[in-house]
Amino acid sequence: MAWDFSTDPEFQSQLDWMAGFVRERLWPLELLIDELGWDALVDAIKPLQGEVKARGLWAAHLDPELGGQGFGQVKLGLMHEILGTCPIAPLAFGNAAPDSGNSEILALVGTPEQKDRYLHPLLAGDLKSAFSMTEPDTAGSDPTLLKTRAVKDGDDWVINGHKWFSSNGSIADFLIVMAVTDPDARSHQRASMFVVDADTPGVNIVRDVATMEHPWESYGRYGNHAEILYEDVRIPGSALLGMQGAGFLIAQQRLYPGRIHHCMRWLGVARRAFDMLCERSLTRYAAGSLLSEKQTIQNWIADSAAQMQAARLMTLHAAWKMDTEGVAAARKDIALIKFFGAEVLHDVVDRALQIHGSLGYSTDMPLEAMYRYARAARFYDGPDEVHRASVARQVLRGYEPPVDGVPSEHIPTRREAARREFAHLLEAVTAND
């Protein structure tokens, strides 16, 4: 097996351009998100999107025939590591969640008509979308418990249900909705996916839910999470995405690459926090020396560097495995990086905030917002506990209990076996004595 951690010079030049572009053109704009509002932000981003398209970096997660670049997960990972440093960078590059995942769903299972109506305008940046699966009354860690129903009525489907945390739902032009179509089927074959226009009668956006990340009440803000009531929402049979009952299978196809992108974006956030940690250590003086000369701070810096390096290598390995062997082969690796990467993000941001003291806790620095963002990483796309359990189950498949119940490394048992195997040697030693 050959291992190569280099990046080809042509793509490295693209990464270098991205790093400068994001820092110089998008970092300043991120400070004005709330002042601009959604419509003005879109206008401000459009010329920047044009520059990205001119560089051949637009919607890079999709295949070339769909207007993307067909980069594969490793290159996408390296790209998202840079985009993760700025909350609006994915928007400028045409791969912002949930649009990126929804475009992958439409590319994977959409009919030609669905692609013409939704996918191509989505890729062009003319439409916004939301993914509507999570419900307030069922455990998000077990999506087989979904209650939202879609019932066949003639040639149509009628949807009734209650969703929330449908990211960008209040600014979406259409939503991809997961609903139970066969409640008596096997647990993972009960639900289907539908594409629903946001202005369909019965789609009622109740509110944008205030969160730890955005604790103030707002509506129609990019990145908000909508609570939605679907009340007798009638849609045509052509709104079904893929096969009936294939909702969970399609969702997994969407989520696995998305988790890799999440983890690389988290590394971008962690790196930005790490830079602040190091800078602060070189400028803050206390108790007779700079903070950089304190052993505790040195430990924080070293531990953060080690954790980020480990998370980066694990994530790129998972991306490489997905590129070379497919989604199924990379499942354990993706589950590993999901909970490990979230932990690294939290730890690095926490240390950076701590070294800044009251300044870090204040809104004069981005660290307090990063800290709130980091907390959500532990349950987005499945809580850490679910991913840990998944890893444990896959690891344990490689083991079996000893037949007689005695531990395989039990020394007295092994010693007796060794005495039997090497009896002739022991006899020779005894004879010599």
Protein backbone atom coordinates (compact mmCIF):
# COMPACT_ATOMS: atom_id res chain seq x y z
CA MET A 1 0.00 0.00 0.00
CA ALA A 2 1.45 3.36 -1.04
CA TRP A 3 0.94 6.42 1.12
CA ASP A 4 1.36 9.92 -0.25
CA PHE A 5 0.59 13.05 1.76
CA SER A 6 1.65 15.48 -0.94
CA THR A 7 -0.70 17.64 -2.99
CA ASP A 8 -0.12 18.09 -6.70
CA PRO A 9 1.36 21.55 -7.46
CA GLU A 10 -1.62 22.66 -9.54
CA PHE A 11 -4.13 21.98 -6.77
CA GLN A 12 -1.79 23.39 -4.13
CA SER A 13 -1.81 26.67 -6.04
CA GLN A 14 -5.61 26.58 -5.86
CA LEU A 15 -5.46 25.96 -2.12
CA ASP A 16 -3.06 28.88 -1.70
CA TRP A 17 -5.41 31.12 -3.67
CA MET A 18 -8.38 29.96 -1.58
CA ALA A 19 -6.57 30.68 1.68
CA GLY A 20 -5.78 34.24 0.63
CA PHE A 21 -9.21 34.83 -0.89
CA VAL A 22 -11.08 33.64 2.20
CA ARG A 23 -8.92 35.62 4.61
CA GLU A 24 -8.79 38.86 2.63
CA ARG A 25 -12.23 38.97 1.02
CA LEU A 26 -14.54 36.96 3.30
CA TRP A 27 -13.21 37.42 6.83
CA PRO A 28 -14.06 41.16 6.70
CA LEU A 29 -17.53 40.46 5.26
CA GLU A 30 -18.40 37.95 8.01
CA LEU A 31 -18.43 40.82 10.50
CA LEU A 32 -21.37 42.45 8.70
CA ILE A 33 -23.72 39.46 8.33
CA ASP A 34 -26.30 40.77 10.78
CA GLU A 35 -26.08 44.36 9.58
CA LEU A 36 -26.49 43.40 5.93
CA GLY A 37 -29.34 40.90 6.23
CA TRP A 38 -29.87 38.00 3.85
CA ASP A 39 -30.68 39.87 0.61
CA ALA A 40 -27.79 42.33 0.93
CA LEU A 41 -25.44 39.50 1.87
CA VAL A 42 -26.43 37.65 -1.30
CA ASP A 43 -25.67 40.77 -3.35
CA ALA A 44 -22.29 41.16 -1.65
CA ILE A 45 -21.39 37.52 -2.23
CA LYS A 46 -22.34 37.37 -5.93
CA PRO A 47 -19.22 39.02 -7.38
CA LEU A 48 -17.08 36.84 -5.12
CA GLN A 49 -18.90 33.77 -6.40
CA GLY A 50 -18.00 34.91 -9.90
CA GLU A 51 -14.31 34.89 -8.98
CA VAL A 52 -14.66 31.40 -7.53
CA LYS A 53 -16.34 30.16 -10.71
CA ALA A 54 -13.60 31.72 -12.82
CA ARG A 55 -11.05 29.70 -10.83
CA GLY A 56 -12.98 26.48 -11.48
CA LEU A 57 -13.77 25.95 -7.81
CA TRP A 58 -17.54 26.36 -7.79
CA ALA A 59 -19.66 23.45 -6.44
CA ALA A 60 -16.55 21.29 -6.47
CA HIS A 61 -18.32 18.47 -4.62
CA LEU A 62 -20.27 17.44 -7.72
CA ASP A 63 -19.22 15.70 -10.93
CA PRO A 64 -18.18 17.82 -13.92
CA GLU A 65 -21.32 17.00 -15.91
CA LEU A 66 -23.29 18.76 -13.17
CA GLY A 67 -21.10 21.84 -13.12
CA GLY A 68 -18.74 20.67 -10.39
CA GLN A 69 -15.15 19.55 -10.45
CA GLY A 70 -15.34 15.92 -9.34
CA PHE A 71 -12.55 16.54 -6.83
CA GLY A 72 -13.10 13.51 -4.62
CA GLN A 73 -13.15 13.59 -0.84
CA VAL A 74 -9.45 14.23 -0.18
CA LYS A 75 -9.30 17.40 -2.27
CA LEU A 76 -12.68 18.48 -0.93
CA GLY A 77 -11.38 17.92 2.60
CA LEU A 78 -8.35 20.15 2.01
CA MET A 79 -10.66 22.74 0.52
CA HIS A 80 -13.11 22.65 3.44
CA GLU A 81 -10.26 23.05 5.92
CA ILE A 82 -9.78 26.52 4.46
CA LEU A 83 -13.48 27.32 4.06
CA GLY A 84 -14.13 26.33 7.67
CA THR A 85 -12.29 29.41 8.90
CA CYS A 86 -15.19 31.62 7.79
CA PRO A 87 -18.93 30.94 8.19
CA ILE A 88 -19.85 32.44 4.81
CA ALA A 89 -16.98 30.94 2.79
CA PRO A 90 -18.96 27.82 1.75
CA LEU A 91 -21.68 30.15 0.47
CA ALA A 92 -19.14 31.88 -1.77
CA PHE A 93 -17.89 28.54 -3.10
CA GLY A 94 -21.27 26.96 -3.82
CA ASN A 95 -20.91 24.15 -1.30
CA ALA A 96 -22.68 25.48 1.78
CA ALA A 97 -24.72 23.05 3.84
CA PRO A 98 -27.50 22.09 3.47
CA ASP A 99 -27.42 23.05 -0.23
CA SER A 100 -24.37 20.90 -0.91
CA GLY A 101 -25.93 17.77 0.58
CA ASN A 102 -29.26 18.44 -1.09
CA SER A 103 -27.57 18.87 -4.45
CA GLU A 104 -25.90 15.50 -3.93
CA ILE A 105 -29.30 13.91 -3.23
CA LEU A 106 -30.80 15.44 -6.36
CA ALA A 107 -27.77 14.37 -8.41
CA LEU A 108 -27.98 10.85 -6.99
CA VAL A 109 -31.70 10.08 -7.24
CA GLY A 110 -33.38 13.05 -8.90
CA THR A 111 -35.35 12.59 -12.10
CA PRO A 112 -34.37 14.69 -15.13
CA GLU A 113 -37.33 16.97 -14.40
CA GLN A 114 -36.31 17.36 -10.73
CA LYS A 115 -32.76 18.19 -11.77
CA ASP A 116 -33.96 20.82 -14.23
CA ARG A 117 -36.34 22.40 -11.75
CA TYR A 118 -34.22 22.24 -8.57
CA LEU A 119 -30.66 21.00 -9.02
CA HIS A 120 -29.43 23.23 -11.81
CA PRO A 121 -30.85 26.47 -10.30
CA LEU A 122 -29.47 25.38 -6.92
CA LEU A 123 -26.00 24.94 -8.39
CA ALA A 124 -26.28 28.28 -10.15
CA GLY A 125 -26.96 29.93 -6.82
CA ASP A 126 -30.45 30.99 -7.88
CA LEU A 127 -32.26 28.84 -5.28
CA LYS A 128 -31.75 28.02 -1.61
CA SER A 129 -32.80 24.78 0.04
CA ALA A 130 -33.31 23.09 3.41
CA PHE A 131 -33.21 19.50 4.66
CA SER A 132 -36.20 18.79 6.87
CA MET A 133 -35.82 15.58 8.89
CA THR A 134 -35.32 16.34 12.62
CA GLU A 135 -38.45 16.44 14.78
CA PRO A 136 -38.96 17.96 18.23
CA ASP A 137 -40.92 14.99 19.57
CA THR A 138 -38.71 12.10 18.44
CA ALA A 139 -35.10 11.27 19.24
CA GLY A 140 -32.81 12.64 16.56
CA SER A 141 -30.35 9.88 17.40
CA ASP A 142 -32.91 7.33 16.13
CA PRO A 143 -34.47 8.55 12.88
CA THR A 144 -36.49 5.33 12.57
CA LEU A 145 -38.86 6.94 15.08
CA LEU A 146 -39.98 9.75 12.75
CA LYS A 147 -43.66 10.61 13.00
CA THR A 148 -44.18 12.90 10.00
CA ARG A 149 -46.42 11.05 7.54
CA ALA A 150 -46.84 11.20 3.79
CA VAL A 151 -50.05 9.46 2.64
CA LYS A 152 -50.88 8.63 -0.95
CA ASP A 153 -54.07 10.28 -2.18
CA GLY A 154 -54.72 9.47 -5.81
CA ASP A 155 -51.67 10.62 -7.76
CA ASP A 156 -50.64 13.00 -4.97
CA TRP A 157 -48.98 12.74 -1.58
CA VAL A 158 -50.26 14.58 1.49
CA ILE A 159 -47.73 15.42 4.21
CA ASN A 160 -48.53 16.11 7.86
CA GLY A 161 -45.94 16.53 10.55
CA HIS A 162 -43.85 18.73 12.79
CA LYS A 163 -40.17 19.41 12.06
CA TRP A 164 -37.53 21.66 13.52
CA PHE A 165 -33.85 22.47 13.07
CA SER A 166 -34.44 22.58 9.32
CA SER A 167 -31.37 24.71 8.64
CA ASN A 168 -32.05 27.68 6.34
CA GLY A 169 -35.72 26.67 6.23
CA SER A 170 -36.89 30.28 6.54
CA ILE A 171 -34.92 31.40 3.47
CA ALA A 172 -35.32 28.21 1.43
CA ASP A 173 -37.07 28.06 -1.92
CA PHE A 174 -37.61 24.33 -1.52
CA LEU A 175 -37.23 21.69 1.19
CA ILE A 176 -36.27 18.05 1.07
CA VAL A 177 -38.62 16.41 3.56
CA MET A 178 -38.26 12.97 5.17
CA ALA A 179 -41.64 11.41 5.93
CA VAL A 180 -42.96 7.96 6.80
CA THR A 181 -44.74 6.40 3.82
CA ASP A 182 -45.10 2.83 5.10
CA PRO A 183 -45.38 2.65 8.91
CA ASP A 184 -45.60 -1.16 8.83
CA ALA A 185 -42.38 -1.70 6.89
CA ARG A 186 -39.01 -2.57 8.42
CA SER A 187 -37.64 0.29 10.51
CA HIS A 188 -35.17 1.49 7.87
CA GLN A 189 -37.65 1.15 5.01
CA ARG A 190 -40.52 3.17 6.50
CA ALA A 191 -39.55 6.63 5.24
CA SER A 192 -39.20 8.34 1.89
CA MET A 193 -37.88 11.70 0.72
CA PHE A 194 -39.84 14.39 -1.07
CA VAL A 195 -38.93 17.71 -2.64
CA VAL A 196 -41.42 20.36 -1.52
CA ASP A 197 -41.65 23.96 -2.72
CA ALA A 198 -41.51 26.28 0.28
CA ASP A 199 -44.58 28.22 -0.89
CA THR A 200 -46.77 25.11 -1.07
CA PRO A 201 -49.99 25.65 0.93
CA GLY A 202 -49.69 24.06 4.36
CA VAL A 203 -45.93 24.63 4.73
CA ASN A 204 -45.94 26.88 7.77
CA ILE A 205 -42.65 28.25 9.04
CA VAL A 206 -43.42 28.69 12.74
CA ARG A 207 -40.17 30.42 13.70
CA ASP A 208 -36.41 30.30 13.54
CA VAL A 209 -35.32 28.58 16.75
CA ALA A 210 -32.91 30.61 18.87
CA THR A 211 -29.94 28.46 19.87
CA MET A 212 -26.77 28.56 21.91
CA GLU A 213 -24.97 29.44 18.67
CA HIS A 214 -27.46 32.22 17.80
CA PRO A 215 -29.18 32.99 21.14
CA TRP A 216 -31.14 36.00 19.93
CA GLU A 217 -34.54 35.71 18.23
CA SER A 218 -34.33 36.35 14.50
CA TYR A 219 -35.99 35.27 11.29
CA GLY A 220 -34.78 34.75 7.76
CA ARG A 221 -31.13 34.78 8.72
CA TYR A 222 -28.59 32.63 6.89
CA GLY A 223 -27.67 29.70 9.13
CA ASN A 224 -30.85 29.79 11.21
CA HIS A 225 -32.78 26.62 12.06
CA ALA A 226 -36.50 26.68 11.31
CA GLU A 227 -39.41 25.04 13.08
CA ILE A 228 -41.95 23.97 10.46
CA LEU A 229 -45.49 22.57 10.56
CA TYR A 230 -46.58 20.56 7.55
CA GLU A 231 -50.37 20.70 7.56
CA ASP A 232 -52.13 18.80 4.76
CA VAL A 233 -49.34 19.69 2.35
CA ARG A 234 -50.40 18.31 -1.02
CA ILE A 235 -47.64 17.56 -3.49
CA PRO A 236 -47.65 15.66 -6.80
CA GLY A 237 -46.41 12.09 -7.09
CA SER A 238 -43.46 13.45 -9.06
CA ALA A 239 -42.16 15.05 -5.83
CA LEU A 240 -40.95 11.67 -4.54
CA LEU A 241 -37.14 11.51 -4.51
CA GLY A 242 -35.80 8.11 -5.45
CA MET A 243 -37.64 4.94 -4.55
CA GLN A 244 -40.43 4.82 -2.00
CA GLY A 245 -39.01 3.59 1.31
CA ALA A 246 -35.42 4.54 0.38
CA GLY A 247 -35.29 7.67 2.55
CA PHE A 248 -32.80 6.33 5.09
CA LEU A 249 -30.52 4.88 2.45
CA ILE A 250 -30.46 8.19 0.59
CA ALA A 251 -29.86 10.09 3.84
CA GLN A 252 -26.79 8.01 4.61
CA GLN A 253 -25.40 8.63 1.14
CA ARG A 254 -25.79 12.32 1.90
CA LEU A 255 -24.44 12.26 5.45
CA TYR A 256 -21.23 10.26 5.08
CA PRO A 257 -19.35 12.72 2.84
CA GLY A 258 -20.96 15.58 4.75
CA ARG A 259 -19.36 14.37 7.97
CA ILE A 260 -15.92 14.48 6.36
CA HIS A 261 -16.57 18.05 5.27
CA HIS A 262 -17.80 18.96 8.76
CA CYS A 263 -14.64 17.60 10.35
CA MET A 264 -12.34 19.47 7.98
CA ARG A 265 -14.26 22.70 8.51
CA TRP A 266 -13.93 22.17 12.27
CA LEU A 267 -10.18 21.95 11.77
CA GLY A 268 -10.33 25.32 10.04
CA VAL A 269 -12.13 26.80 13.04
CA ALA A 270 -9.69 25.11 15.42
CA ARG A 271 -6.71 26.47 13.50
CA ARG A 272 -8.09 30.01 13.71
CA ALA A 273 -8.60 29.60 17.46
CA PHE A 274 -5.12 28.07 17.79
CA ASP A 275 -3.59 31.10 16.07
CA MET A 276 -5.30 33.35 18.59
CA LEU A 277 -4.05 31.15 21.44
CA CYS A 278 -0.44 31.41 20.26
CA GLU A 279 -0.63 35.13 19.54
CA ARG A 280 -2.06 35.85 22.97
CA SER A 281 0.67 33.83 24.67
CA LEU A 282 3.32 36.04 23.06
CA THR A 283 1.71 39.35 24.05
CA ARG A 284 0.18 38.84 27.49
CA TYR A 285 2.46 39.38 30.49
CA ALA A 286 1.57 38.09 33.97
CA ALA A 287 3.37 36.96 37.14
CA GLY A 288 6.83 37.88 35.95
CA SER A 289 6.83 36.53 32.40
CA LEU A 290 4.95 36.18 29.15
CA LEU A 291 2.26 33.53 29.12
CA SER A 292 4.25 31.70 26.44
CA GLU A 293 6.87 30.97 29.09
CA LYS A 294 4.39 29.29 31.45
CA GLN A 295 4.47 25.50 31.34
CA THR A 296 0.69 25.22 31.41
CA ILE A 297 0.37 27.41 28.32
CA GLN A 298 3.12 25.48 26.59
CA ASN A 299 1.19 22.29 27.35
CA TRP A 300 -1.97 23.82 25.88
CA ILE A 301 -0.13 24.74 22.70
CA ALA A 302 1.53 21.34 22.35
CA ASP A 303 -1.64 19.40 23.16
CA SER A 304 -3.68 21.49 20.70
CA ALA A 305 -1.11 21.01 17.94
CA ALA A 306 -1.05 17.25 18.54
CA GLN A 307 -4.84 16.92 18.62
CA MET A 308 -5.30 18.94 15.44
CA GLN A 309 -2.63 16.94 13.64
CA ALA A 310 -4.22 13.67 14.71
CA ALA A 311 -7.72 14.81 13.70
CA ARG A 312 -6.43 16.09 10.35
CA LEU A 313 -4.65 12.85 9.48
CA MET A 314 -7.62 10.75 10.60
CA THR A 315 -10.01 12.84 8.51
CA LEU A 316 -7.87 12.81 5.37
CA HIS A 317 -7.43 9.06 5.80
CA ALA A 318 -11.20 8.62 5.98
CA ALA A 319 -11.55 10.79 2.85
CA TRP A 320 -8.88 8.74 1.06
CA LYS A 321 -10.59 5.51 2.04
CA MET A 322 -13.93 6.77 0.75
CA ASP A 323 -12.29 7.82 -2.53
CA THR A 324 -10.51 4.49 -3.02
CA GLU A 325 -12.87 1.94 -1.48
CA GLY A 326 -16.27 3.60 -1.23
CA VAL A 327 -18.66 4.68 1.49
CA ALA A 328 -19.19 1.26 3.09
CA ALA A 329 -15.47 0.70 3.65
CA ALA A 330 -15.08 4.12 5.25
CA ARG A 331 -17.99 3.92 7.71
CA LYS A 332 -15.92 3.20 10.80
CA ASP A 333 -13.33 5.84 9.90
CA ILE A 334 -16.02 8.46 9.37
CA ALA A 335 -17.67 7.62 12.71
CA LEU A 336 -14.26 7.93 14.41
CA ILE A 337 -13.52 11.39 13.04
CA LYS A 338 -17.02 12.65 13.81
CA PHE A 339 -16.72 12.34 17.58
CA PHE A 340 -12.96 12.82 17.77
CA GLY A 341 -13.01 15.93 15.59
CA ALA A 342 -15.81 17.49 17.63
CA GLU A 343 -13.79 16.92 20.81
CA VAL A 344 -10.66 18.47 19.30
CA LEU A 345 -12.60 21.52 18.13
CA HIS A 346 -14.05 22.05 21.60
CA ASP A 347 -10.72 21.57 23.40
CA VAL A 348 -8.74 23.96 21.19
CA VAL A 349 -11.37 26.69 21.26
CA ASP A 350 -11.75 26.27 25.03
CA ARG A 351 -8.02 26.77 25.61
CA ALA A 352 -7.93 29.78 23.32
CA LEU A 353 -10.86 31.33 25.15
CA GLN A 354 -9.31 30.60 28.54
CA ILE A 355 -6.01 32.31 27.74
CA HIS A 356 -7.89 35.44 26.69
CA GLY A 357 -9.87 35.54 29.94
CA SER A 358 -12.62 38.16 29.98
CA LEU A 359 -11.63 39.35 26.51
CA GLY A 360 -12.21 35.85 25.11
CA TYR A 361 -15.55 35.64 26.89
CA SER A 362 -16.62 38.97 25.44
CA THR A 363 -17.95 39.53 21.94
CA ASP A 364 -14.87 41.62 21.15
CA MET A 365 -13.26 38.33 20.06
CA PRO A 366 -14.80 35.58 17.90
CA LEU A 367 -13.91 32.91 20.46
CA GLU A 368 -17.17 33.00 22.40
CA ALA A 369 -19.09 32.42 19.14
CA MET A 370 -16.69 29.63 18.18
CA TYR A 371 -17.24 28.04 21.60
CA ARG A 372 -21.00 28.00 21.12
CA TYR A 373 -20.56 26.64 17.61
CA ALA A 374 -18.24 23.91 18.90
CA ARG A 375 -20.78 22.68 21.42
CA ALA A 376 -23.26 21.85 18.66
CA ALA A 377 -20.66 19.74 16.84
CA ARG A 378 -21.16 16.96 19.38
CA PHE A 379 -24.70 16.21 18.20
CA TYR A 380 -24.98 17.52 14.62
CA ASP A 381 -25.29 14.65 12.12
CA GLY A 382 -25.73 12.20 14.98
CA PRO A 383 -24.63 12.57 18.60
CA ASP A 384 -21.14 11.49 19.63
CA GLU A 385 -22.56 8.60 21.63
CA VAL A 386 -24.13 7.06 18.52
CA HIS A 387 -20.89 7.30 16.58
CA ARG A 388 -18.90 5.83 19.47
CA ALA A 389 -21.35 2.92 19.67
CA SER A 390 -21.05 2.41 15.91
CA VAL A 391 -17.26 2.29 16.12
CA ALA A 392 -17.38 -0.12 19.05
CA ARG A 393 -19.74 -2.48 17.23
CA GLN A 394 -17.55 -2.52 14.13
CA VAL A 395 -14.38 -3.05 16.17
CA LEU A 396 -15.94 -5.90 18.17
CA ARG A 397 -16.79 -7.76 14.97
CA GLY A 398 -13.11 -8.62 14.79
CA TYR A 399 -13.20 -10.39 18.16
CA GLU A 400 -14.85 -13.44 19.66
CA PRO A 401 -15.07 -14.69 23.24
CA PRO A 402 -12.69 -17.51 24.24
CA VAL A 403 -14.33 -20.91 23.95
CA ASP A 404 -13.67 -21.93 27.56
CA GLY A 405 -14.26 -18.46 29.01
CA VAL A 406 -10.65 -18.10 30.12
CA PRO A 407 -8.99 -14.86 28.89
CA SER A 408 -6.69 -15.55 25.94
CA GLU A 409 -3.85 -13.75 27.74
CA HIS A 410 -4.34 -15.64 31.04
CA ILE A 411 -0.75 -16.29 32.14
CA PRO A 412 -1.19 -19.56 34.13
CA THR A 413 -3.09 -21.12 31.23
CA ARG A 414 -0.58 -19.90 28.67
CA ARG A 415 2.33 -21.09 30.84
CA GLU A 416 0.93 -24.61 31.03
CA ALA A 417 0.46 -24.65 27.26
CA ALA A 418 4.01 -23.38 26.76
CA ARG A 419 5.34 -26.12 29.09
CA ARG A 420 3.60 -28.76 27.00
CA GLU A 421 4.86 -27.29 23.72
CA PHE A 422 8.45 -26.95 24.88
CA ALA A 423 8.58 -29.99 27.21
CA HIS A 424 11.65 -31.32 25.43
CA LEU A 425 13.56 -28.13 26.16
CA LEU A 426 12.53 -28.17 29.78
CA GLU A 427 13.54 -31.84 30.07
CA ALA A 428 16.95 -31.02 28.65
CA VAL A 429 17.44 -28.23 31.18
CA THR A 430 16.39 -30.57 34.00
CA ALA A 431 18.78 -33.28 32.79
CA ASN A 432 21.68 -30.83 32.71
CA ASP A 433 20.90 -29.85 36.28
